[in-house]
Amino acid sequence: MAEQIDFDLGDSPQEDSPPYNILPYDGETIYHGSIYGEIDADQIYHYLLGEIPWKHDEALIYGKHIITARKIAWYGDKDYDYTYSGRTRTALTWTPELLKIKELAEQHSGVVYNSCLLNLYADGSQGMAWHSDDEKCLGKDTSIASLSFGAERRFDLRHKARREKISQQLEHGSLIVMQGATQTNWQHQIAKTKKVTTPRVNLTFRTMQF
């Protein structure tokens, strides 16, 4: 069993210092920048890579069973079941380390979360296609706090009606919070790239409504 880690709590408008809203209208997506020091961020990154029981994600798309290249893990307060893309996942029990990370995300966002979907991208050949986190179980105007560790990746948002695109580089140890009308009006993606050759771990804290 791994030793428990004691974590400290502690293209966009580049002229601003975080936190700032990267969206020009129809939503709020607040970029907080790196909320961990380099040593703590590295420690968390290696813990997540080595101790989370990663599994390939599965989806049912147009009746076809798909197994994704990226890996996921799903944690929650209770035995929550989360269904998306035609597949149901049952939440794992929080670890002390994940609860400390959740606490810091809650301090910055002002929202209490009850679950977390973790994603592991092995390198830039793995990404996430355009989508919105607008499932019924998340409710309207939901808040999703997304923490990134490891390789820096570009996070894109695209307005559903106007098709305008906004991008933000996500630093190692950084937090971005999608809230308000973001999921109603915008889609987001992690684009594939040949420039990234190392892993990125992404934690998306959510408040499920059951």
Protein backbone atom coordinates (compact mmCIF):
# COMPACT_ATOMS: atom_id res chain seq x y z
CA MET A 1 0.00 0.00 0.00
CA ALA A 2 1.36 3.41 -0.97
CA GLU A 3 2.42 5.87 1.71
CA GLN A 4 -0.14 8.61 2.26
CA ILE A 5 0.95 11.92 0.76
CA ASP A 6 0.55 15.20 2.67
CA PHE A 7 -0.44 17.72 -0.03
CA ASP A 8 -0.39 21.44 0.69
CA LEU A 9 -3.63 23.29 0.05
CA GLY A 10 -2.46 25.78 -1.47
CA ASP A 11 -5.24 31.62 -26.65
CA SER A 12 -6.53 33.53 -23.79
CA PRO A 13 -6.11 36.95 -22.17
CA GLN A 14 -2.43 36.55 -21.38
CA GLU A 15 -2.17 40.09 -20.02
CA ASP A 16 -4.31 39.04 -17.06
CA SER A 17 -3.08 37.12 -14.03
CA PRO A 18 -5.15 34.07 -13.01
CA PRO A 19 -7.88 33.61 -12.13
CA TYR A 20 -9.71 34.96 -15.19
CA ASN A 21 -12.65 33.95 -17.38
CA ILE A 22 -11.35 32.74 -20.75
CA LEU A 23 -14.81 32.97 -22.37
CA PRO A 24 -15.96 36.26 -23.94
CA TYR A 25 -19.69 35.56 -23.44
CA ASP A 26 -22.37 32.89 -22.79
CA GLY A 27 -20.57 31.15 -19.94
CA GLU A 28 -17.83 31.20 -17.36
CA THR A 29 -14.67 29.12 -17.61
CA ILE A 30 -12.26 30.34 -14.96
CA TYR A 31 -8.56 29.56 -15.38
CA HIS A 32 -6.75 29.62 -12.02
CA GLY A 33 -3.31 28.73 -13.36
CA SER A 34 -1.10 26.38 -11.35
CA ILE A 35 -2.45 26.01 -7.81
CA TYR A 36 0.39 23.72 -6.67
CA GLY A 37 4.11 24.29 -6.35
CA GLU A 38 6.30 22.25 -8.67
CA ILE A 39 7.36 19.73 -6.00
CA ASP A 40 3.77 19.05 -4.86
CA ALA A 41 2.51 18.86 -8.46
CA ASP A 42 5.25 16.33 -9.32
CA GLN A 43 4.43 14.27 -6.23
CA ILE A 44 0.73 14.16 -7.06
CA TYR A 45 1.46 13.31 -10.71
CA HIS A 46 3.56 10.27 -9.79
CA TYR A 47 1.01 9.15 -7.20
CA LEU A 48 -1.79 9.29 -9.80
CA LEU A 49 0.22 7.42 -12.41
CA GLY A 50 1.26 4.65 -10.03
CA GLU A 51 -1.65 4.16 -7.65
CA ILE A 52 -4.89 4.78 -9.55
CA PRO A 53 -6.44 1.56 -11.02
CA TRP A 54 -6.59 2.84 -14.59
CA LYS A 55 -8.76 1.06 -17.15
CA HIS A 56 -9.52 1.76 -20.79
CA ASP A 57 -12.81 3.58 -21.25
CA GLU A 58 -15.68 1.96 -23.16
CA ALA A 59 -18.48 3.55 -25.12
CA LEU A 60 -21.43 2.51 -27.26
CA ILE A 61 -21.48 4.82 -30.30
CA TYR A 62 -24.13 4.28 -32.98
CA GLY A 63 -24.52 0.71 -31.74
CA LYS A 64 -20.80 -0.04 -31.96
CA HIS A 65 -18.75 -1.01 -28.90
CA ILE A 66 -15.66 1.21 -28.70
CA ILE A 67 -12.65 0.83 -26.36
CA THR A 68 -10.71 4.09 -26.09
CA ALA A 69 -6.95 4.51 -26.09
CA ARG A 70 -7.04 6.77 -23.04
CA LYS A 71 -7.66 5.28 -19.61
CA ILE A 72 -10.07 6.41 -16.90
CA ALA A 73 -11.04 5.92 -13.25
CA TRP A 74 -14.26 7.02 -11.54
CA TYR A 75 -14.51 7.95 -7.83
CA GLY A 76 -17.45 9.15 -5.74
CA ASP A 77 -19.02 9.65 -2.31
CA LYS A 78 -21.11 6.48 -2.46
CA ASP A 79 -21.72 3.60 -4.85
CA TYR A 80 -22.70 6.08 -7.55
CA ASP A 81 -23.42 4.80 -11.02
CA TYR A 82 -22.52 7.17 -13.86
CA THR A 83 -23.86 6.42 -17.34
CA TYR A 84 -22.58 8.09 -20.50
CA SER A 85 -22.02 6.92 -24.08
CA GLY A 86 -24.17 3.88 -23.35
CA ARG A 87 -21.96 2.53 -20.54
CA THR A 88 -22.42 2.57 -16.76
CA ARG A 89 -19.54 3.03 -14.31
CA THR A 90 -19.71 2.43 -10.54
CA ALA A 91 -17.69 4.83 -8.41
CA LEU A 92 -14.62 3.69 -6.48
CA THR A 93 -14.11 4.79 -2.86
CA TRP A 94 -12.16 8.02 -2.38
CA THR A 95 -8.52 7.74 -1.36
CA PRO A 96 -7.14 10.19 1.25
CA GLU A 97 -4.96 11.76 -1.45
CA LEU A 98 -7.88 12.38 -3.81
CA LEU A 99 -9.95 13.88 -0.99
CA LYS A 100 -7.19 16.42 -0.31
CA ILE A 101 -7.07 17.37 -3.98
CA LYS A 102 -10.88 17.65 -4.01
CA GLU A 103 -10.76 19.93 -0.96
CA LEU A 104 -8.42 22.36 -2.70
CA ALA A 105 -10.56 22.36 -5.88
CA GLU A 106 -13.59 23.16 -3.72
CA GLN A 107 -11.78 26.02 -1.98
CA HIS A 108 -10.97 27.65 -5.31
CA SER A 109 -14.34 27.05 -6.99
CA GLY A 110 -16.65 27.58 -4.01
CA VAL A 111 -18.52 24.37 -4.93
CA VAL A 112 -18.76 21.01 -3.11
CA TYR A 113 -18.20 18.05 -5.43
CA ASN A 114 -19.31 14.44 -4.87
CA SER A 115 -17.45 12.62 -7.64
CA CYS A 116 -14.43 12.70 -9.94
CA LEU A 117 -13.72 11.29 -13.39
CA LEU A 118 -9.97 10.85 -13.92
CA ASN A 119 -8.46 10.63 -17.41
CA LEU A 120 -4.99 9.39 -18.35
CA TYR A 121 -3.61 10.48 -21.74
CA ALA A 122 -0.43 8.50 -22.47
CA ASP A 123 0.86 11.13 -24.92
CA GLY A 124 -0.34 13.59 -27.55
CA SER A 125 -1.75 10.84 -29.76
CA GLN A 126 -4.61 10.54 -27.26
CA GLY A 127 -7.20 13.29 -26.87
CA MET A 128 -10.88 14.03 -26.32
CA ALA A 129 -13.23 14.98 -29.16
CA TRP A 130 -15.62 17.92 -29.06
CA HIS A 131 -18.37 17.46 -26.46
CA SER A 132 -20.31 19.13 -23.65
CA ASP A 133 -20.74 17.72 -20.15
CA ASP A 134 -24.48 18.26 -20.23
CA GLU A 135 -25.83 14.91 -19.08
CA LYS A 136 -29.10 15.12 -17.15
CA CYS A 137 -27.46 13.75 -13.97
CA LEU A 138 -25.12 16.78 -13.87
CA GLY A 139 -27.99 19.29 -13.85
CA LYS A 140 -28.17 22.69 -15.55
CA ASP A 141 -25.34 25.21 -15.21
CA THR A 142 -23.16 22.66 -13.47
CA SER A 143 -19.66 23.34 -12.14
CA ILE A 144 -16.78 21.09 -13.20
CA ALA A 145 -13.33 21.66 -11.70
CA SER A 146 -10.61 20.25 -13.93
CA LEU A 147 -7.06 19.74 -12.62
CA SER A 148 -4.14 18.85 -14.90
CA PHE A 149 -0.87 17.12 -14.01
CA GLY A 150 2.01 16.17 -16.28
CA ALA A 151 2.33 17.21 -19.91
CA GLU A 152 0.96 20.64 -20.83
CA ARG A 153 -1.94 20.33 -23.26
CA ARG A 154 -4.12 22.80 -25.14
CA PHE A 155 -7.75 23.05 -24.00
CA ASP A 156 -10.18 24.29 -26.68
CA LEU A 157 -13.72 25.60 -26.39
CA ARG A 158 -16.09 26.15 -29.34
CA HIS A 159 -19.36 28.10 -29.22
CA LYS A 160 -22.24 25.87 -30.33
CA ALA A 161 -24.03 28.54 -32.38
CA ARG A 162 -21.32 31.02 -33.46
CA ARG A 163 -18.52 28.40 -33.79
CA GLU A 164 -16.02 30.82 -32.25
CA LYS A 165 -13.04 29.04 -30.67
CA ILE A 166 -11.07 29.87 -27.53
CA SER A 167 -7.91 28.06 -26.36
CA GLN A 168 -5.97 27.84 -23.11
CA GLN A 169 -2.72 26.00 -22.38
CA LEU A 170 -3.15 23.91 -19.21
CA GLU A 171 -0.04 23.95 -17.04
CA HIS A 172 1.22 21.19 -14.79
CA GLY A 173 -0.74 21.51 -11.52
CA SER A 174 -3.29 23.92 -12.98
CA LEU A 175 -7.03 24.28 -12.34
CA ILE A 176 -9.76 25.36 -14.76
CA VAL A 177 -13.41 25.56 -13.67
CA MET A 178 -16.28 25.40 -16.16
CA GLN A 179 -19.47 26.85 -14.68
CA GLY A 180 -22.59 28.90 -15.40
CA ALA A 181 -23.90 28.47 -18.95
CA THR A 182 -20.65 27.00 -20.31
CA GLN A 183 -22.02 23.50 -20.97
CA THR A 184 -25.21 24.90 -22.53
CA ASN A 185 -23.43 27.16 -25.00
CA TRP A 186 -19.95 25.70 -25.54
CA GLN A 187 -18.26 22.42 -26.41
CA HIS A 188 -14.70 21.57 -25.36
CA GLN A 189 -11.92 19.23 -26.48
CA ILE A 190 -8.32 18.16 -25.90
CA ALA A 191 -6.83 18.11 -29.41
CA LYS A 192 -4.33 15.45 -30.45
CA THR A 193 -0.78 16.63 -31.13
CA LYS A 194 2.53 15.08 -32.18
CA LYS A 195 4.43 17.58 -30.03
CA VAL A 196 3.54 15.89 -26.71
CA THR A 197 5.35 12.63 -25.89
CA THR A 198 4.67 12.25 -22.14
CA PRO A 199 1.52 11.51 -20.09
CA ARG A 200 -1.08 13.93 -18.78
CA VAL A 201 -3.48 13.13 -15.94
CA ASN A 202 -6.72 15.09 -15.72
CA LEU A 203 -9.11 15.09 -12.73
CA THR A 204 -12.61 16.44 -13.35
CA PHE A 205 -14.54 16.99 -10.12
CA ARG A 206 -18.33 17.01 -10.55
CA THR A 207 -21.56 17.25 -8.57
CA MET A 208 -23.83 14.42 -9.66
CA GLN A 209 -27.57 14.58 -8.99
CA PHE A 210 -29.05 11.18 -8.14
